[in-house]
C-alpha atoms as a PDB file:
ATOM      1  CA  MET A   1     173.907  87.431   8.634  1.00  0.00           C
ATOM      2  CA  ASN A   2     175.268  90.772   8.265  1.00  0.00           C
ATOM      3  CA  LEU A   3     173.241  91.551   5.128  1.00  0.00           C
ATOM      4  CA  LEU A   4     170.293  89.949   6.943  1.00  0.00           C
ATOM      5  CA  SER A   5     170.515  92.196  10.110  1.00  0.00           C
ATOM      6  CA  ALA A   6     170.583  95.173   7.950  1.00  0.00           C
ATOM      7  CA  TRP A   7     167.417  94.109   6.093  1.00  0.00           C
ATOM      8  CA  LEU A   8     165.899  93.541   9.256  1.00  0.00           C
ATOM      9  CA  VAL A   9     166.740  96.978  10.460  1.00  0.00           C
ATOM     10  CA  HIS A  10     164.985  98.407   7.439  1.00  0.00           C
ATOM     11  CA  LEU A  11     162.108  96.119   8.227  1.00  0.00           C
ATOM     12  CA  TYR A  12     161.826  97.520  11.763  1.00  0.00           C
ATOM     13  CA  THR A  13     161.976 101.131  10.515  1.00  0.00           C
ATOM     14  CA  ALA A  14     159.099 100.290   8.037  1.00  0.00           C
ATOM     15  CA  SER A  15     156.895  98.718  10.784  1.00  0.00           C
ATOM     16  CA  GLY A  16     156.464 102.276  12.069  1.00  0.00           C
ATOM     17  CA  ALA A  17     153.945 102.719   9.239  1.00  0.00           C
ATOM     18  CA  LEU A  18     152.134  99.682  10.498  1.00  0.00           C
ATOM     19  CA  ALA A  19     151.742 101.439  13.908  1.00  0.00           C
ATOM     20  CA  GLY A  20     150.385 104.572  12.154  1.00  0.00           C
ATOM     21  CA  PHE A  21     147.892 102.372  10.218  1.00  0.00           C
ATOM     22  CA  PHE A  22     146.482 100.765  13.409  1.00  0.00           C
ATOM     23  CA  SER A  23     146.635 104.246  15.066  1.00  0.00           C
ATOM     24  CA  THR A  24     144.371 105.499  12.099  1.00  0.00           C
ATOM     25  CA  LEU A  25     141.944 102.631  12.815  1.00  0.00           C
ATOM     26  CA  ALA A  26     141.655 103.397  16.328  1.00  0.00           C
ATOM     27  CA  ILE A  27     140.997 107.035  15.677  1.00  0.00           C
ATOM     28  CA  PHE A  28     138.093 106.161  13.414  1.00  0.00           C
ATOM     29  CA  ALA A  29     136.815 103.810  16.149  1.00  0.00           C
ATOM     30  CA  ALA A  30     137.099 106.857  18.448  1.00  0.00           C
ATOM     31  CA  ASP A  31     139.393 104.698  20.656  1.00  0.00           C
ATOM     32  CA  TYR A  32     141.768 107.492  21.347  1.00  0.00           C
ATOM     33  CA  ARG A  33     143.779 105.740  24.192  1.00  0.00           C
ATOM     34  CA  GLN A  34     144.718 102.845  21.712  1.00  0.00           C
ATOM     35  CA  ALA A  35     145.364 105.476  19.008  1.00  0.00           C
ATOM     36  CA  LEU A  36     147.804 107.104  21.395  1.00  0.00           C
ATOM     37  CA  LEU A  37     149.492 104.060  22.470  1.00  0.00           C
ATOM     38  CA  TRP A  38     150.150 103.147  18.803  1.00  0.00           C
ATOM     39  CA  MET A  39     151.656 106.713  18.386  1.00  0.00           C
ATOM     40  CA  VAL A  40     153.924 105.858  21.288  1.00  0.00           C
ATOM     41  CA  ALA A  41     154.898 102.556  19.691  1.00  0.00           C
ATOM     42  CA  ALA A  42     155.858 104.493  16.374  1.00  0.00           C
ATOM     43  CA  THR A  43     157.817 107.138  18.364  1.00  0.00           C
ATOM     44  CA  PHE A  44     159.701 104.222  20.163  1.00  0.00           C
ATOM     45  CA  ILE A  45     160.641 102.602  16.847  1.00  0.00           C
ATOM     46  CA  ASP A  46     161.721 105.901  15.546  1.00  0.00           C
ATOM     47  CA  ALA A  47     163.903 106.700  18.495  1.00  0.00           C
ATOM     48  CA  THR A  48     165.612 103.286  18.363  1.00  0.00           C
ATOM     49  CA  ASP A  49     165.860 102.475  14.604  1.00  0.00           C
ATOM     50  CA  GLY A  50     168.811 104.845  13.904  1.00  0.00           C
ATOM     51  CA  VAL A  51     171.081 103.327  16.502  1.00  0.00           C
ATOM     52  CA  LEU A  52     170.324  99.811  15.026  1.00  0.00           C
ATOM     53  CA  ALA A  53     170.868 101.090  11.611  1.00  0.00           C
ATOM     54  CA  ARG A  54     174.434 102.365  12.575  1.00  0.00           C
ATOM     55  CA  LEU A  55     175.211  99.213  14.292  1.00  0.00           C
ATOM     56  CA  ALA A  56     174.037  97.152  11.367  1.00  0.00           C
ATOM     57  CA  ARG A  57     175.953  99.468   8.883  1.00  0.00           C
ATOM     58  CA  VAL A  58     172.912  99.658   6.481  1.00  0.00           C
ATOM     59  CA  LYS A  59     174.337 102.170   4.306  1.00  0.00           C
ATOM     60  CA  GLU A  60     177.208  99.891   3.451  1.00  0.00           C
ATOM     61  CA  ARG A  61     175.320  96.685   3.380  1.00  0.00           C
ATOM     62  CA  THR A  62     172.122  97.751   1.686  1.00  0.00           C
ATOM     63  CA  PRO A  63     173.226 100.547  -0.673  1.00  0.00           C
ATOM     64  CA  GLY A  64     170.262 100.122  -3.113  1.00  0.00           C
ATOM     65  CA  LEU A  65     167.930 101.268  -0.277  1.00  0.00           C
ATOM     66  CA  ASP A  66     167.934 104.682   1.318  1.00  0.00           C
ATOM     67  CA  GLY A  67     167.131 104.083   4.984  1.00  0.00           C
ATOM     68  CA  GLY A  68     166.981 107.929   5.593  1.00  0.00           C
ATOM     69  CA  ARG A  69     164.527 108.383   2.969  1.00  0.00           C
ATOM     70  CA  LEU A  70     162.418 105.277   4.404  1.00  0.00           C
ATOM     71  CA  ASP A  71     162.561 106.808   7.774  1.00  0.00           C
ATOM     72  CA  ASP A  72     161.222 110.134   6.600  1.00  0.00           C
ATOM     73  CA  ILE A  73     158.275 108.546   4.926  1.00  0.00           C
ATOM     74  CA  VAL A  74     157.371 106.583   7.902  1.00  0.00           C
ATOM     75  CA  ASP A  75     157.887 109.719  10.168  1.00  0.00           C
ATOM     76  CA  TYR A  76     155.599 112.037   8.070  1.00  0.00           C
ATOM     77  CA  VAL A  77     152.861 109.229   8.433  1.00  0.00           C
ATOM     78  CA  THR A  78     153.255 108.690  12.161  1.00  0.00           C
ATOM     79  CA  PHE A  79     154.507 112.294  13.291  1.00  0.00           C
ATOM     80  CA  VAL A  80     152.389 114.396  11.011  1.00  0.00           C
ATOM     81  CA  PHE A  81     149.322 112.807   9.377  1.00  0.00           C
ATOM     82  CA  VAL A  82     148.195 110.598  12.057  1.00  0.00           C
ATOM     83  CA  PRO A  83     148.309 113.112  14.831  1.00  0.00           C
ATOM     84  CA  ALA A  84     146.703 115.791  12.411  1.00  0.00           C
ATOM     85  CA  LEU A  85     143.905 113.173  11.778  1.00  0.00           C
ATOM     86  CA  PHE A  86     143.759 112.511  15.668  1.00  0.00           C
ATOM     87  CA  LEU A  87     143.112 116.353  16.314  1.00  0.00           C
ATOM     88  CA  TYR A  88     140.618 116.586  13.541  1.00  0.00           C
ATOM     89  CA  GLN A  89     138.681 113.574  14.299  1.00  0.00           C
ATOM     90  CA  SER A  90     138.639 113.867  18.201  1.00  0.00           C
ATOM     91  CA  GLY A  91     137.068 117.330  18.156  1.00  0.00           C
ATOM     92  CA  ALA A  92     140.088 118.985  19.583  1.00  0.00           C
ATOM     93  CA  LEU A  93     139.745 121.784  16.799  1.00  0.00           C
ATOM     94  CA  PRO A  94     137.090 124.248  16.312  1.00  0.00           C
ATOM     95  CA  TYR A  95     134.157 123.227  14.227  1.00  0.00           C
ATOM     96  CA  GLY A  96     134.483 124.761  10.737  1.00  0.00           C
ATOM     97  CA  TRP A  97     138.203 125.518  11.123  1.00  0.00           C
ATOM     98  CA  ALA A  98     139.419 122.107  11.801  1.00  0.00           C
ATOM     99  CA  GLY A  99     140.143 121.200   8.079  1.00  0.00           C
ATOM    100  CA  GLY A 100     142.238 124.558   7.829  1.00  0.00           C
ATOM    101  CA  VAL A 101     144.120 123.802  11.069  1.00  0.00           C
ATOM    102  CA  ALA A 102     144.788 120.163  10.071  1.00  0.00           C
ATOM    103  CA  ALA A 103     146.183 121.610   6.563  1.00  0.00           C
ATOM    104  CA  ALA A 104     148.594 123.887   8.456  1.00  0.00           C
ATOM    105  CA  ILE A 105     149.928 120.951  10.210  1.00  0.00           C
ATOM    106  CA  LEU A 106     150.311 118.765   7.052  1.00  0.00           C
ATOM    107  CA  LEU A 107     151.679 121.558   4.843  1.00  0.00           C
ATOM    108  CA  SER A 108     154.150 123.183   7.142  1.00  0.00           C
ATOM    109  CA  SER A 109     155.580 119.834   7.962  1.00  0.00           C
ATOM    110  CA  ALA A 110     155.849 118.742   4.315  1.00  0.00           C
ATOM    111  CA  TYR A 111     158.141 121.830   3.920  1.00  0.00           C
ATOM    112  CA  GLY A 112     159.938 120.834   7.133  1.00  0.00           C
ATOM    113  CA  PHE A 113     160.762 117.323   6.103  1.00  0.00           C
ATOM    114  CA  ALA A 114     161.812 118.438   2.606  1.00  0.00           C
ATOM    115  CA  ALA A 115     164.083 121.269   3.430  1.00  0.00           C
ATOM    116  CA  ASP A 116     167.740 120.914   2.689  1.00  0.00           C
ATOM    117  CA  ASP A 117     168.679 121.945   6.253  1.00  0.00           C
ATOM    118  CA  ALA A 118     166.008 119.872   8.130  1.00  0.00           C
ATOM    119  CA  LYS A 119     168.859 117.940   9.747  1.00  0.00           C
ATOM    120  CA  THR A 120     172.180 119.884  10.186  1.00  0.00           C
ATOM    121  CA  ASN A 121     175.846 118.178   9.847  1.00  0.00           C
ATOM    122  CA  ASP A 122     176.170 118.924  13.645  1.00  0.00           C
ATOM    123  CA  HIS A 123     173.082 116.903  14.533  1.00  0.00           C
ATOM    124  CA  PHE A 124     170.319 119.335  15.013  1.00  0.00           C
ATOM    125  CA  PHE A 125     166.893 119.549  13.556  1.00  0.00           C
ATOM    126  CA  THR A 126     166.081 123.059  12.073  1.00  0.00           C
ATOM    127  CA  GLY A 127     162.679 124.562  12.616  1.00  0.00           C
ATOM    128  CA  PHE A 128     159.848 122.967  14.921  1.00  0.00           C
ATOM    129  CA  PRO A 129     160.581 119.252  14.128  1.00  0.00           C
ATOM    130  CA  SER A 130     156.932 118.317  13.783  1.00  0.00           C
ATOM    131  CA  TYR A 131     156.455 116.571  17.103  1.00  0.00           C
ATOM    132  CA  TRP A 132     152.772 116.535  16.310  1.00  0.00           C
ATOM    133  CA  ASN A 133     152.285 113.335  18.110  1.00  0.00           C
ATOM    134  CA  ILE A 134     153.280 114.922  21.315  1.00  0.00           C
ATOM    135  CA  VAL A 135     151.282 118.083  20.648  1.00  0.00           C
ATOM    136  CA  ALA A 136     148.220 115.871  20.040  1.00  0.00           C
ATOM    137  CA  LEU A 137     148.858 113.978  23.378  1.00  0.00           C
ATOM    138  CA  TYR A 138     148.898 117.095  25.601  1.00  0.00           C
ATOM    139  CA  ILE A 139     146.124 118.790  23.897  1.00  0.00           C
ATOM    140  CA  HIS A 140     144.210 115.747  24.342  1.00  0.00           C
ATOM    141  CA  LEU A 141     144.929 115.560  28.026  1.00  0.00           C
ATOM    142  CA  SER A 142     144.737 119.272  28.864  1.00  0.00           C
ATOM    143  CA  GLY A 143     141.056 119.740  27.959  1.00  0.00           C
ATOM    144  CA  LEU A 144     141.782 123.117  26.527  1.00  0.00           C
ATOM    145  CA  SER A 145     139.167 124.817  24.288  1.00  0.00           C
ATOM    146  CA  PRO A 146     139.078 124.065  20.562  1.00  0.00           C
ATOM    147  CA  VAL A 147     139.982 127.723  19.714  1.00  0.00           C
ATOM    148  CA  LEU A 148     143.058 127.681  22.038  1.00  0.00           C
ATOM    149  CA  ASN A 149     143.986 124.435  20.444  1.00  0.00           C
ATOM    150  CA  ALA A 150     143.858 125.918  17.061  1.00  0.00           C
ATOM    151  CA  VAL A 151     145.970 128.933  18.254  1.00  0.00           C
ATOM    152  CA  ILE A 152     148.659 126.524  19.595  1.00  0.00           C
ATOM    153  CA  VAL A 153     148.675 124.422  16.567  1.00  0.00           C
ATOM    154  CA  THR A 154     148.818 127.345  14.170  1.00  0.00           C
ATOM    155  CA  GLY A 155     151.714 128.832  16.142  1.00  0.00           C
ATOM    156  CA  LEU A 156     153.683 125.794  16.106  1.00  0.00           C
ATOM    157  CA  SER A 157     152.973 125.402  12.494  1.00  0.00           C
ATOM    158  CA  THR A 158     154.689 128.873  11.820  1.00  0.00           C
ATOM    159  CA  LEU A 159     157.730 127.679  13.879  1.00  0.00           C
ATOM    160  CA  VAL A 160     158.431 125.164  11.250  1.00  0.00           C
ATOM    161  CA  PHE A 161     159.634 127.996   9.004  1.00  0.00           C
ATOM    162  CA  TRP A 162     161.665 129.864  11.902  1.00  0.00           C
ATOM    163  CA  ARG A 163     165.159 128.198  11.204  1.00  0.00           C
ATOM    164  CA  VAL A 164     166.060 127.569  14.863  1.00  0.00           C
ATOM    165  CA  GLY A 165     167.983 124.426  15.853  1.00  0.00           C
ATOM    166  CA  TYR A 166     166.303 121.874  18.069  1.00  0.00           C
ATOM    167  CA  VAL A 167     168.023 119.034  19.726  1.00  0.00           C
ATOM    168  CA  TYR A 168     168.170 115.810  17.856  1.00  0.00           C
ATOM    169  CA  PRO A 169     167.804 113.543  20.988  1.00  0.00           C
ATOM    170  CA  THR A 170     169.650 110.648  19.965  1.00  0.00           C
ATOM    171  CA  ARG A 171     172.618 112.300  18.097  1.00  0.00           C
ATOM    172  CA  THR A 172     173.151 115.888  19.445  1.00  0.00           C
ATOM    173  CA  PRO A 173     176.247 115.345  21.367  1.00  0.00           C
ATOM    174  CA  ALA A 174     175.755 118.027  24.242  1.00  0.00           C
ATOM    175  CA  LEU A 175     174.220 116.382  27.111  1.00  0.00           C
ATOM    176  CA  ARG A 176     173.005 113.332  25.394  1.00  0.00           C
ATOM    177  CA  GLY A 177     173.047 110.984  28.046  1.00  0.00           C
ATOM    178  CA  VAL A 178     171.087 113.263  30.229  1.00  0.00           C
ATOM    179  CA  THR A 179     168.700 113.868  27.370  1.00  0.00           C
ATOM    180  CA  LEU A 180     168.133 110.135  26.629  1.00  0.00           C
ATOM    181  CA  GLY A 181     167.730 109.378  30.410  1.00  0.00           C
ATOM    182  CA  LEU A 182     165.157 111.987  30.902  1.00  0.00           C
ATOM    183  CA  GLY A 183     163.514 111.059  27.672  1.00  0.00           C
ATOM    184  CA  ALA A 184     163.120 107.376  28.748  1.00  0.00           C
ATOM    185  CA  ILE A 185     161.665 108.461  31.966  1.00  0.00           C
ATOM    186  CA  TRP A 186     159.289 110.692  30.140  1.00  0.00           C
ATOM    187  CA  GLY A 187     158.278 107.874  27.866  1.00  0.00           C
ATOM    188  CA  VAL A 188     157.334 105.695  30.790  1.00  0.00           C
ATOM    189  CA  ILE A 189     155.334 108.569  32.312  1.00  0.00           C
ATOM    190  CA  VAL A 190     153.536 109.148  28.965  1.00  0.00           C
ATOM    191  CA  VAL A 191     152.539 105.552  28.699  1.00  0.00           C
ATOM    192  CA  VAL A 192     151.112 105.497  32.448  1.00  0.00           C
ATOM    193  CA  MET A 193     149.130 108.687  31.599  1.00  0.00           C
ATOM    194  CA  ILE A 194     147.612 107.164  28.556  1.00  0.00           C
ATOM    195  CA  LEU A 195     146.486 104.102  30.453  1.00  0.00           C
ATOM    196  CA  THR A 196     144.951 106.324  33.166  1.00  0.00           C
ATOM    197  CA  ILE A 197     142.891 108.251  30.743  1.00  0.00           C
ATOM    198  CA  PRO A 198     140.347 109.984  31.416  1.00  0.00           C
ATOM    199  CA  ARG A 199     141.535 110.498  35.079  1.00  0.00           C
ATOM    200  CA  VAL A 200     145.231 111.301  34.636  1.00  0.00           C
ATOM    201  CA  PRO A 201     146.669 112.495  37.962  1.00  0.00           C
ATOM    202  CA  ALA A 202     147.559 116.060  37.931  1.00  0.00           C
ATOM    203  CA  ALA A 203     150.886 115.409  39.515  1.00  0.00           C
ATOM    204  CA  LEU A 204     151.781 112.836  36.942  1.00  0.00           C
ATOM    205  CA  PHE A 205     150.747 115.379  34.141  1.00  0.00           C
ATOM    206  CA  ALA A 206     152.839 118.021  35.923  1.00  0.00           C
ATOM    207  CA  ALA A 207     155.834 115.644  36.049  1.00  0.00           C
ATOM    208  CA  SER A 208     155.432 114.823  32.282  1.00  0.00           C
ATOM    209  CA  LEU A 209     156.162 118.487  31.502  1.00  0.00           C
ATOM    210  CA  VAL A 210     159.745 118.348  32.879  1.00  0.00           C
ATOM    211  CA  PHE A 211     161.279 116.716  29.791  1.00  0.00           C
ATOM    212  CA  PRO A 212     159.570 119.027  27.202  1.00  0.00           C
ATOM    213  CA  ALA A 213     160.691 122.015  29.235  1.00  0.00           C
ATOM    214  CA  TYR A 214     164.250 120.774  29.344  1.00  0.00           C
ATOM    215  CA  TYR A 215     164.161 119.983  25.723  1.00  0.00           C
ATOM    216  CA  VAL A 216     163.032 123.502  24.729  1.00  0.00           C
ATOM    217  CA  VAL A 217     165.498 125.157  27.150  1.00  0.00           C
ATOM    218  CA  LEU A 218     168.553 123.094  25.789  1.00  0.00           C
ATOM    219  CA  SER A 219     167.510 123.573  22.337  1.00  0.00           C
ATOM    220  CA  ALA A 220     167.525 127.421  22.962  1.00  0.00           C
ATOM    221  CA  MET A 221     170.767 127.370  24.669  1.00  0.00           C
ATOM    222  CA  LEU A 222     172.485 125.319  22.181  1.00  0.00           C
ATOM    223  CA  HIS A 223     171.065 127.289  19.212  1.00  0.00           C
ATOM    224  CA  VAL A 224     172.371 130.650  20.857  1.00  0.00           C
ATOM    225  CA  ARG A 225     175.821 128.986  21.157  1.00  0.00           C
ATOM    226  CA  ARG A 226     175.818 127.689  17.591  1.00  0.00           C
ATOM    227  CA  SER A 227     174.664 130.987  16.281  1.00  0.00           C
ATOM    228  CA  VAL A 228     177.595 132.750  17.993  1.00  0.00           C
ATOM    229  CA  ARG A 229     180.192 130.068  16.920  1.00  0.00           C
ATOM    230  CA  LEU A 230     178.881 130.276  13.243  1.00  0.00           C
ATOM    231  CA  ARG A 231     178.677 133.927  13.030  1.00  0.00           C
ATOM    232  CA  PRO A 232     180.935 135.379  10.429  1.00  0.00           C
END
């Protein structure tokens, strides 16, 4: 049963790729609400599979399968490729530039995933952690101009190379309980917003920004504290 539970966790991680696949089908069908819901499903899987993997002790029980590598493959599909396709196909990016902006997402995040310091030993992400699914969601909901969207996406793509530490929500020790609690509330708000498209209440949209703002501020504060501590 212990071995079976470990393999089931790997299967659970791999199922994120299925969410990415069905999100892709929804994008080509121009059903952007369904596409976003599948992205939420993929995010939920990614947020919970690590805890299950540690409980099932998958490294010890399935040494022939690298769960971390499997997770990275699935994450690149669901956090990078699918959102880039969403932005390109939905018309959120300027005509004539869309391919180049999408390429910036795909190539910068390929570096971000492959970098040796992408995840630190003290449980931080280094560089913008390719939250393109979240970026795609807010771009879709905000109704900004395609040119401004391109500027935002390009700016975030460059932040992948700026080696600043970002909170790893399920593993960074500082305020982890608060982060997970706020993140769970934010997740519910996001689902409600998607279900209310195209008439998302302004108050709900504003409330949804609390957790991203908290995440950015906490990451900045902890990065400064870490920099001081690690300074020679």
